[in-house]
Amino acid sequence: MQELVTTNFKIGKQKPVDLLVQYRHVGWGNLWLLCEGLTDEERALLPFRYVGKRGEDPESRLRAWVEAQERKGKPTYVVVDDPTYLIRVRGS
């Protein structure tokens, strides 16, 4: 079994599962991901919102998303590389 797990292991496959826990705190549709580790089929199965399209330049995707959010108002951003952290923004 260990050999099967290590053969099919891919970095990043665990993060979406960890992020599901955060929905208890932030609510459905409030988590955006900038990721490359998932196929389109896998992305469709998960309840996240995605920044740009898979395969596009990550920096351009993030820049376009930030610009779109700022046209809508004054958003607060939290960028973390560990999805197990819960960060509360004062006043929210």
PDB file of N, CA and C in Angstrom:
ATOM      1  N   MET A   1       0.821  -1.193   0.000  1.00  0.00           N
ATOM      2  CA  MET A   1       0.000   0.000   0.000  1.00  0.00           C
ATOM      3  C   MET A   1       0.869   1.263   0.000  1.00  0.00           C
ATOM      4  N   GLN A   2       1.912   1.278   0.812  1.00  0.00           N
ATOM      5  CA  GLN A   2       2.801   2.443   0.881  1.00  0.00           C
ATOM      6  C   GLN A   2       3.395   2.759  -0.490  1.00  0.00           C
ATOM      7  N   GLU A   3       3.753   1.724  -1.229  1.00  0.00           N
ATOM      8  CA  GLU A   3       4.321   1.939  -2.558  1.00  0.00           C
ATOM      9  C   GLU A   3       3.300   2.598  -3.489  1.00  0.00           C
ATOM     10  N   LEU A   4       2.047   2.175  -3.415  1.00  0.00           N
ATOM     11  CA  LEU A   4       0.990   2.769  -4.233  1.00  0.00           C
ATOM     12  C   LEU A   4       0.802   4.244  -3.890  1.00  0.00           C
ATOM     13  N   VAL A   5       0.791   4.549  -2.594  1.00  0.00           N
ATOM     14  CA  VAL A   5       0.613   5.936  -2.155  1.00  0.00           C
ATOM     15  C   VAL A   5       1.762   6.808  -2.640  1.00  0.00           C
ATOM     16  N   THR A   6       2.992   6.353  -2.459  1.00  0.00           N
ATOM     17  CA  THR A   6       4.133   7.173  -2.865  1.00  0.00           C
ATOM     18  C   THR A   6       4.242   7.285  -4.382  1.00  0.00           C
ATOM     19  N   THR A   7       3.780   6.285  -5.111  1.00  0.00           N
ATOM     20  CA  THR A   7       3.808   6.347  -6.572  1.00  0.00           C
ATOM     21  C   THR A   7       2.848   7.409  -7.094  1.00  0.00           C
ATOM     22  N   ASN A   8       1.669   7.524  -6.481  1.00  0.00           N
ATOM     23  CA  ASN A   8       0.638   8.453  -6.949  1.00  0.00           C
ATOM     24  C   ASN A   8       0.626   9.783  -6.214  1.00  0.00           C
ATOM     25  N   PHE A   9       1.550   9.993  -5.301  1.00  0.00           N
ATOM     26  CA  PHE A   9       1.573  11.225  -4.519  1.00  0.00           C
ATOM     27  C   PHE A   9       1.979  12.403  -5.386  1.00  0.00           C
ATOM     28  N   LYS A  10       1.223  13.486  -5.264  1.00  0.00           N
ATOM     29  CA  LYS A  10       1.563  14.727  -5.964  1.00  0.00           C
ATOM     30  C   LYS A  10       1.427  15.873  -4.978  1.00  0.00           C
ATOM     31  N   ILE A  11       2.411  16.742  -4.956  1.00  0.00           N
ATOM     32  CA  ILE A  11       2.349  17.906  -4.078  1.00  0.00           C
ATOM     33  C   ILE A  11       1.168  18.762  -4.497  1.00  0.00           C
ATOM     34  N   GLY A  12       0.413  19.222  -3.516  1.00  0.00           N
ATOM     35  CA  GLY A  12      -0.715  20.098  -3.800  1.00  0.00           C
ATOM     36  C   GLY A  12      -2.052  19.394  -3.778  1.00  0.00           C
ATOM     37  N   LYS A  13      -2.075  18.093  -3.898  1.00  0.00           N
ATOM     38  CA  LYS A  13      -3.341  17.372  -3.893  1.00  0.00           C
ATOM     39  C   LYS A  13      -4.017  17.422  -2.523  1.00  0.00           C
ATOM     40  N   GLN A  14      -3.245  17.639  -1.465  1.00  0.00           N
ATOM     41  CA  GLN A  14      -3.806  17.645  -0.128  1.00  0.00           C
ATOM     42  C   GLN A  14      -4.421  18.989   0.236  1.00  0.00           C
ATOM     43  N   LYS A  15      -3.948  20.064  -0.320  1.00  0.00           N
ATOM     44  CA  LYS A  15      -4.401  21.392   0.076  1.00  0.00           C
ATOM     45  C   LYS A  15      -5.905  21.607  -0.097  1.00  0.00           C
ATOM     46  N   PRO A  16      -6.530  21.229  -1.214  1.00  0.00           N
ATOM     47  CA  PRO A  16      -7.974  21.447  -1.312  1.00  0.00           C
ATOM     48  C   PRO A  16      -8.757  20.759  -0.204  1.00  0.00           C
ATOM     49  N   VAL A  17      -8.310  19.579   0.198  1.00  0.00           N
ATOM     50  CA  VAL A  17      -8.989  18.888   1.290  1.00  0.00           C
ATOM     51  C   VAL A  17      -8.856  19.689   2.578  1.00  0.00           C
ATOM     52  N   ASP A  18      -7.671  20.214   2.846  1.00  0.00           N
ATOM     53  CA  ASP A  18      -7.470  21.047   4.032  1.00  0.00           C
ATOM     54  C   ASP A  18      -8.347  22.293   3.980  1.00  0.00           C
ATOM     55  N   LEU A  19      -8.499  22.856   2.809  1.00  0.00           N
ATOM     56  CA  LEU A  19      -9.291  24.085   2.671  1.00  0.00           C
ATOM     57  C   LEU A  19     -10.774  23.864   2.939  1.00  0.00           C
ATOM     58  N   LEU A  20     -11.258  22.644   2.734  1.00  0.00           N
ATOM     59  CA  LEU A  20     -12.676  22.376   3.002  1.00  0.00           C
ATOM     60  C   LEU A  20     -13.037  22.704   4.446  1.00  0.00           C
ATOM     61  N   VAL A  21     -12.116  22.509   5.353  1.00  0.00           N
ATOM     62  CA  VAL A  21     -12.345  22.821   6.766  1.00  0.00           C
ATOM     63  C   VAL A  21     -12.657  24.304   6.941  1.00  0.00           C
ATOM     64  N   GLN A  22     -12.038  25.157   6.146  1.00  0.00           N
ATOM     65  CA  GLN A  22     -12.230  26.607   6.296  1.00  0.00           C
ATOM     66  C   GLN A  22     -13.641  27.053   5.940  1.00  0.00           C
ATOM     67  N   TYR A  23     -14.379  26.269   5.164  1.00  0.00           N
ATOM     68  CA  TYR A  23     -15.748  26.653   4.826  1.00  0.00           C
ATOM     69  C   TYR A  23     -16.638  26.765   6.054  1.00  0.00           C
ATOM     70  N   ARG A  24     -16.299  26.062   7.107  1.00  0.00           N
ATOM     71  CA  ARG A  24     -17.073  26.209   8.352  1.00  0.00           C
ATOM     72  C   ARG A  24     -16.993  27.629   8.875  1.00  0.00           C
ATOM     73  N   HIS A  25     -15.914  28.323   8.575  1.00  0.00           N
ATOM     74  CA  HIS A  25     -15.691  29.667   9.103  1.00  0.00           C
ATOM     75  C   HIS A  25     -16.039  30.779   8.116  1.00  0.00           C
ATOM     76  N   VAL A  26     -15.750  30.595   6.850  1.00  0.00           N
ATOM     77  CA  VAL A  26     -15.900  31.693   5.886  1.00  0.00           C
ATOM     78  C   VAL A  26     -17.152  31.608   5.034  1.00  0.00           C
ATOM     79  N   GLY A  27     -17.764  30.460   4.944  1.00  0.00           N
ATOM     80  CA  GLY A  27     -18.976  30.320   4.144  1.00  0.00           C
ATOM     81  C   GLY A  27     -18.695  29.951   2.698  1.00  0.00           C
ATOM     82  N   TRP A  28     -19.691  29.367   2.093  1.00  0.00           N
ATOM     83  CA  TRP A  28     -19.601  28.849   0.732  1.00  0.00           C
ATOM     84  C   TRP A  28     -19.300  29.964  -0.269  1.00  0.00           C
ATOM     85  N   GLY A  29     -18.360  29.729  -1.142  1.00  0.00           N
ATOM     86  CA  GLY A  29     -18.056  30.679  -2.203  1.00  0.00           C
ATOM     87  C   GLY A  29     -17.143  31.817  -1.811  1.00  0.00           C
ATOM     88  N   ASN A  30     -16.574  31.769  -0.614  1.00  0.00           N
ATOM     89  CA  ASN A  30     -15.718  32.859  -0.159  1.00  0.00           C
ATOM     90  C   ASN A  30     -14.234  32.527  -0.165  1.00  0.00           C
ATOM     91  N   LEU A  31     -13.865  31.402  -0.732  1.00  0.00           N
ATOM     92  CA  LEU A  31     -12.449  31.050  -0.852  1.00  0.00           C
ATOM     93  C   LEU A  31     -12.071  30.997  -2.324  1.00  0.00           C
ATOM     94  N   TRP A  32     -11.039  31.724  -2.674  1.00  0.00           N
ATOM     95  CA  TRP A  32     -10.521  31.751  -4.038  1.00  0.00           C
ATOM     96  C   TRP A  32      -9.156  31.076  -4.049  1.00  0.00           C
ATOM     97  N   LEU A  33      -8.900  30.253  -5.049  1.00  0.00           N
ATOM     98  CA  LEU A  33      -7.617  29.564  -5.163  1.00  0.00           C
ATOM     99  C   LEU A  33      -6.906  29.954  -6.448  1.00  0.00           C
ATOM    100  N   LEU A  34      -5.613  30.132  -6.327  1.00  0.00           N
ATOM    101  CA  LEU A  34      -4.731  30.264  -7.485  1.00  0.00           C
ATOM    102  C   LEU A  34      -3.897  28.996  -7.469  1.00  0.00           C
ATOM    103  N   CYS A  35      -4.260  28.036  -8.301  1.00  0.00           N
ATOM    104  CA  CYS A  35      -3.588  26.738  -8.223  1.00  0.00           C
ATOM    105  C   CYS A  35      -3.346  26.170  -9.611  1.00  0.00           C
ATOM    106  N   GLU A  36      -2.382  25.290  -9.678  1.00  0.00           N
ATOM    107  CA  GLU A  36      -2.042  24.597 -10.916  1.00  0.00           C
ATOM    108  C   GLU A  36      -2.101  23.084 -10.749  1.00  0.00           C
ATOM    109  N   GLY A  37      -2.206  22.591  -9.531  1.00  0.00           N
ATOM    110  CA  GLY A  37      -2.072  21.164  -9.275  1.00  0.00           C
ATOM    111  C   GLY A  37      -3.293  20.316  -9.572  1.00  0.00           C
ATOM    112  N   LEU A  38      -4.397  20.931  -9.994  1.00  0.00           N
ATOM    113  CA  LEU A  38      -5.622  20.176 -10.219  1.00  0.00           C
ATOM    114  C   LEU A  38      -6.021  20.213 -11.688  1.00  0.00           C
ATOM    115  N   THR A  39      -6.574  19.103 -12.156  1.00  0.00           N
ATOM    116  CA  THR A  39      -7.106  19.075 -13.516  1.00  0.00           C
ATOM    117  C   THR A  39      -8.440  19.818 -13.532  1.00  0.00           C
ATOM    118  N   ASP A  40      -8.950  20.104 -14.723  1.00  0.00           N
ATOM    119  CA  ASP A  40     -10.253  20.762 -14.829  1.00  0.00           C
ATOM    120  C   ASP A  40     -11.348  19.904 -14.203  1.00  0.00           C
ATOM    121  N   GLU A  41     -11.252  18.589 -14.357  1.00  0.00           N
ATOM    122  CA  GLU A  41     -12.242  17.681 -13.773  1.00  0.00           C
ATOM    123  C   GLU A  41     -12.204  17.744 -12.246  1.00  0.00           C
ATOM    124  N   GLU A  42     -11.002  17.759 -11.678  1.00  0.00           N
ATOM    125  CA  GLU A  42     -10.866  17.847 -10.223  1.00  0.00           C
ATOM    126  C   GLU A  42     -11.365  19.194  -9.716  1.00  0.00           C
ATOM    127  N   ARG A  43     -11.062  20.251 -10.439  1.00  0.00           N
ATOM    128  CA  ARG A  43     -11.522  21.585 -10.036  1.00  0.00           C
ATOM    129  C   ARG A  43     -13.046  21.653 -10.015  1.00  0.00           C
ATOM    130  N   ALA A  44     -13.682  21.004 -10.979  1.00  0.00           N
ATOM    131  CA  ALA A  44     -15.147  21.032 -11.055  1.00  0.00           C
ATOM    132  C   ALA A  44     -15.789  20.311  -9.872  1.00  0.00           C
ATOM    133  N   LEU A  45     -15.093  19.376  -9.275  1.00  0.00           N
ATOM    134  CA  LEU A  45     -15.633  18.622  -8.141  1.00  0.00           C
ATOM    135  C   LEU A  45     -15.550  19.380  -6.821  1.00  0.00           C
ATOM    136  N   LEU A  46     -14.661  20.348  -6.734  1.00  0.00           N
ATOM    137  CA  LEU A  46     -14.420  21.049  -5.475  1.00  0.00           C
ATOM    138  C   LEU A  46     -15.186  22.368  -5.426  1.00  0.00           C
ATOM    139  N   PRO A  47     -15.613  22.786  -4.239  1.00  0.00           N
ATOM    140  CA  PRO A  47     -16.466  23.976  -4.105  1.00  0.00           C
ATOM    141  C   PRO A  47     -15.709  25.294  -4.002  1.00  0.00           C
ATOM    142  N   PHE A  48     -14.594  25.411  -4.684  1.00  0.00           N
ATOM    143  CA  PHE A  48     -13.800  26.630  -4.596  1.00  0.00           C
ATOM    144  C   PHE A  48     -14.046  27.519  -5.803  1.00  0.00           C
ATOM    145  N   ARG A  49     -13.676  28.773  -5.659  1.00  0.00           N
ATOM    146  CA  ARG A  49     -13.670  29.709  -6.769  1.00  0.00           C
ATOM    147  C   ARG A  49     -12.209  29.860  -7.170  1.00  0.00           C
ATOM    148  N   TYR A  50     -11.966  29.949  -8.448  1.00  0.00           N
ATOM    149  CA  TYR A  50     -10.592  29.924  -8.939  1.00  0.00           C
ATOM    150  C   TYR A  50     -10.201  31.251  -9.574  1.00  0.00           C
ATOM    151  N   VAL A  51      -8.949  31.612  -9.396  1.00  0.00           N
ATOM    152  CA  VAL A  51      -8.382  32.831  -9.965  1.00  0.00           C
ATOM    153  C   VAL A  51      -7.857  32.490 -11.358  1.00  0.00           C
ATOM    154  N   GLY A  52      -8.502  33.001 -12.391  1.00  0.00           N
ATOM    155  CA  GLY A  52      -8.064  32.762 -13.763  1.00  0.00           C
ATOM    156  C   GLY A  52      -8.262  31.332 -14.213  1.00  0.00           C
ATOM    157  N   LYS A  53      -7.667  31.029 -15.350  1.00  0.00           N
ATOM    158  CA  LYS A  53      -7.792  29.700 -15.943  1.00  0.00           C
ATOM    159  C   LYS A  53      -6.490  28.935 -15.797  1.00  0.00           C
ATOM    160  N   ARG A  54      -6.630  27.647 -15.597  1.00  0.00           N
ATOM    161  CA  ARG A  54      -5.478  26.766 -15.468  1.00  0.00           C
ATOM    162  C   ARG A  54      -4.617  26.873 -16.721  1.00  0.00           C
ATOM    163  N   GLY A  55      -3.303  26.941 -16.529  1.00  0.00           N
ATOM    164  CA  GLY A  55      -2.378  27.015 -17.646  1.00  0.00           C
ATOM    165  C   GLY A  55      -1.941  28.425 -17.993  1.00  0.00           C
ATOM    166  N   GLU A  56      -2.689  29.428 -17.540  1.00  0.00           N
ATOM    167  CA  GLU A  56      -2.285  30.814 -17.781  1.00  0.00           C
ATOM    168  C   GLU A  56      -1.204  31.200 -16.779  1.00  0.00           C
ATOM    169  N   ASP A  57      -0.462  32.256 -17.080  1.00  0.00           N
ATOM    170  CA  ASP A  57       0.593  32.736 -16.199  1.00  0.00           C
ATOM    171  C   ASP A  57       0.007  33.113 -14.831  1.00  0.00           C
ATOM    172  N   PRO A  58       0.486  32.508 -13.729  1.00  0.00           N
ATOM    173  CA  PRO A  58      -0.075  32.788 -12.401  1.00  0.00           C
ATOM    174  C   PRO A  58      -0.011  34.260 -12.004  1.00  0.00           C
ATOM    175  N   GLU A  59       1.086  34.939 -12.323  1.00  0.00           N
ATOM    176  CA  GLU A  59       1.205  36.348 -11.956  1.00  0.00           C
ATOM    177  C   GLU A  59       0.155  37.193 -12.680  1.00  0.00           C
ATOM    178  N   SER A  60      -0.054  36.930 -13.949  1.00  0.00           N
ATOM    179  CA  SER A  60      -1.066  37.666 -14.718  1.00  0.00           C
ATOM    180  C   SER A  60      -2.467  37.362 -14.207  1.00  0.00           C
ATOM    181  N   ARG A  61      -2.712  36.108 -13.867  1.00  0.00           N
ATOM    182  CA  ARG A  61      -4.021  35.717 -13.335  1.00  0.00           C
ATOM    183  C   ARG A  61      -4.316  36.456 -12.040  1.00  0.00           C
ATOM    184  N   LEU A  62      -3.331  36.482 -11.145  1.00  0.00           N
ATOM    185  CA  LEU A  62      -3.532  37.143  -9.860  1.00  0.00           C
ATOM    186  C   LEU A  62      -3.710  38.646 -10.037  1.00  0.00           C
ATOM    187  N   ARG A  63      -2.913  39.249 -10.879  1.00  0.00           N
ATOM    188  CA  ARG A  63      -3.015  40.698 -11.114  1.00  0.00           C
ATOM    189  C   ARG A  63      -4.403  41.060 -11.669  1.00  0.00           C
ATOM    190  N   ALA A  64      -4.886  40.310 -12.648  1.00  0.00           N
ATOM    191  CA  ALA A  64      -6.205  40.578 -13.236  1.00  0.00           C
ATOM    192  C   ALA A  64      -7.310  40.394 -12.205  1.00  0.00           C
ATOM    193  N   TRP A  65      -7.186  39.372 -11.356  1.00  0.00           N
ATOM    194  CA  TRP A  65      -8.204  39.121 -10.328  1.00  0.00           C
ATOM    195  C   TRP A  65      -8.230  40.254  -9.304  1.00  0.00           C
ATOM    196  N   VAL A  66      -7.050  40.698  -8.852  1.00  0.00           N
ATOM    197  CA  VAL A  66      -6.975  41.797  -7.885  1.00  0.00           C
ATOM    198  C   VAL A  66      -7.585  43.058  -8.487  1.00  0.00           C
ATOM    199  N   GLU A  67      -7.267  43.359  -9.722  1.00  0.00           N
ATOM    200  CA  GLU A  67      -7.832  44.546 -10.370  1.00  0.00           C
ATOM    201  C   GLU A  67      -9.354  44.456 -10.452  1.00  0.00           C
ATOM    202  N   ALA A  68      -9.879  43.285 -10.768  1.00  0.00           N
ATOM    203  CA  ALA A  68     -11.336  43.100 -10.839  1.00  0.00           C
ATOM    204  C   ALA A  68     -11.975  43.281  -9.466  1.00  0.00           C
ATOM    205  N   GLN A  69     -11.348  42.761  -8.411  1.00  0.00           N
ATOM    206  CA  GLN A  69     -11.891  42.904  -7.059  1.00  0.00           C
ATOM    207  C   GLN A  69     -11.891  44.364  -6.630  1.00  0.00           C
ATOM    208  N   GLU A  70     -10.849  45.090  -6.978  1.00  0.00           N
ATOM    209  CA  GLU A  70     -10.741  46.488  -6.559  1.00  0.00           C
ATOM    210  C   GLU A  70     -11.701  47.397  -7.315  1.00  0.00           C
ATOM    211  N   ARG A  71     -12.125  46.998  -8.504  1.00  0.00           N
ATOM    212  CA  ARG A  71     -13.160  47.766  -9.207  1.00  0.00           C
ATOM    213  C   ARG A  71     -14.502  47.647  -8.498  1.00  0.00           C
ATOM    214  N   LYS A  72     -14.696  46.554  -7.750  1.00  0.00           N
ATOM    215  CA  LYS A  72     -15.953  46.314  -7.032  1.00  0.00           C
ATOM    216  C   LYS A  72     -15.996  47.003  -5.675  1.00  0.00           C
ATOM    217  N   GLY A  73     -14.880  47.435  -5.135  1.00  0.00           N
ATOM    218  CA  GLY A  73     -14.846  48.041  -3.804  1.00  0.00           C
ATOM    219  C   GLY A  73     -13.454  48.002  -3.225  1.00  0.00           C
ATOM    220  N   LYS A  74     -13.391  47.956  -1.886  1.00  0.00           N
ATOM    221  CA  LYS A  74     -12.099  47.916  -1.187  1.00  0.00           C
ATOM    222  C   LYS A  74     -11.985  46.576  -0.455  1.00  0.00           C
ATOM    223  N   PRO A  75     -11.550  45.557  -1.157  1.00  0.00           N
ATOM    224  CA  PRO A  75     -11.467  44.236  -0.532  1.00  0.00           C
ATOM    225  C   PRO A  75     -10.285  44.112   0.428  1.00  0.00           C
ATOM    226  N   THR A  76     -10.368  43.118   1.294  1.00  0.00           N
ATOM    227  CA  THR A  76      -9.267  42.749   2.175  1.00  0.00           C
ATOM    228  C   THR A  76      -8.707  41.435   1.655  1.00  0.00           C
ATOM    229  N   TYR A  77      -7.401  41.351   1.516  1.00  0.00           N
ATOM    230  CA  TYR A  77      -6.765  40.144   1.006  1.00  0.00           C
ATOM    231  C   TYR A  77      -5.972  39.459   2.106  1.00  0.00           C
ATOM    232  N   VAL A  78      -6.030  38.137   2.098  1.00  0.00           N
ATOM    233  CA  VAL A  78      -5.176  37.334   2.961  1.00  0.00           C
ATOM    234  C   VAL A  78      -4.562  36.269   2.059  1.00  0.00           C
ATOM    235  N   VAL A  79      -3.259  36.278   1.949  1.00  0.00           N
ATOM    236  CA  VAL A  79      -2.562  35.300   1.126  1.00  0.00           C
ATOM    237  C   VAL A  79      -1.732  34.439   2.062  1.00  0.00           C
ATOM    238  N   VAL A  80      -2.044  33.144   2.093  1.00  0.00           N
ATOM    239  CA  VAL A  80      -1.324  32.219   2.970  1.00  0.00           C
ATOM    240  C   VAL A  80      -0.933  30.979   2.173  1.00  0.00           C
ATOM    241  N   ASP A  81       0.131  30.347   2.608  1.00  0.00           N
ATOM    242  CA  ASP A  81       0.515  29.104   1.951  1.00  0.00           C
ATOM    243  C   ASP A  81       0.190  27.883   2.804  1.00  0.00           C
ATOM    244  N   ASP A  82      -0.449  28.088   3.930  1.00  0.00           N
ATOM    245  CA  ASP A  82      -0.873  26.985   4.792  1.00  0.00           C
ATOM    246  C   ASP A  82      -2.370  27.124   5.040  1.00  0.00           C
ATOM    247  N   PRO A  83      -3.195  26.307   4.401  1.00  0.00           N
ATOM    248  CA  PRO A  83      -4.640  26.455   4.509  1.00  0.00           C
ATOM    249  C   PRO A  83      -5.224  26.067   5.860  1.00  0.00           C
ATOM    250  N   THR A  84      -4.393  25.599   6.779  1.00  0.00           N
ATOM    251  CA  THR A  84      -4.930  25.238   8.092  1.00  0.00           C
ATOM    252  C   THR A  84      -5.036  26.442   9.019  1.00  0.00           C
ATOM    253  N   TYR A  85      -4.478  27.592   8.625  1.00  0.00           N
ATOM    254  CA  TYR A  85      -4.580  28.802   9.447  1.00  0.00           C
ATOM    255  C   TYR A  85      -5.928  29.463   9.232  1.00  0.00           C
ATOM    256  N   LEU A  86      -6.537  29.917  10.309  1.00  0.00           N
ATOM    257  CA  LEU A  86      -7.741  30.740  10.216  1.00  0.00           C
ATOM    258  C   LEU A  86      -7.337  32.144  10.638  1.00  0.00           C
ATOM    259  N   ILE A  87      -7.481  33.080   9.743  1.00  0.00           N
ATOM    260  CA  ILE A  87      -7.091  34.464  10.009  1.00  0.00           C
ATOM    261  C   ILE A  87      -8.348  35.309  10.056  1.00  0.00           C
ATOM    262  N   ARG A  88      -8.571  35.955  11.175  1.00  0.00           N
ATOM    263  CA  ARG A  88      -9.737  36.829  11.314  1.00  0.00           C
ATOM    264  C   ARG A  88      -9.307  38.270  11.120  1.00  0.00           C
ATOM    265  N   VAL A  89     -10.055  38.968  10.297  1.00  0.00           N
ATOM    266  CA  VAL A  89      -9.766  40.367  10.024  1.00  0.00           C
ATOM    267  C   VAL A  89     -10.610  41.204  10.970  1.00  0.00           C
ATOM    268  N   ARG A  90      -9.977  42.152  11.635  1.00  0.00           N
ATOM    269  CA  ARG A  90     -10.680  42.996  12.596  1.00  0.00           C
ATOM    270  C   ARG A  90     -11.871  43.671  11.920  1.00  0.00           C
ATOM    271  N   GLY A  91     -13.019  43.638  12.594  1.00  0.00           N
ATOM    272  CA  GLY A  91     -14.222  44.262  12.063  1.00  0.00           C
ATOM    273  C   GLY A  91     -15.054  43.346  11.183  1.00  0.00           C
ATOM    274  N   SER A  92     -14.637  42.101  11.022  1.00  0.00           N
ATOM    275  CA  SER A  92     -15.424  41.194  10.176  1.00  0.00           C
ATOM    276  C   SER A  92     -16.145  40.160  11.010  1.00  0.00           C
TER     277      SER A  92
END
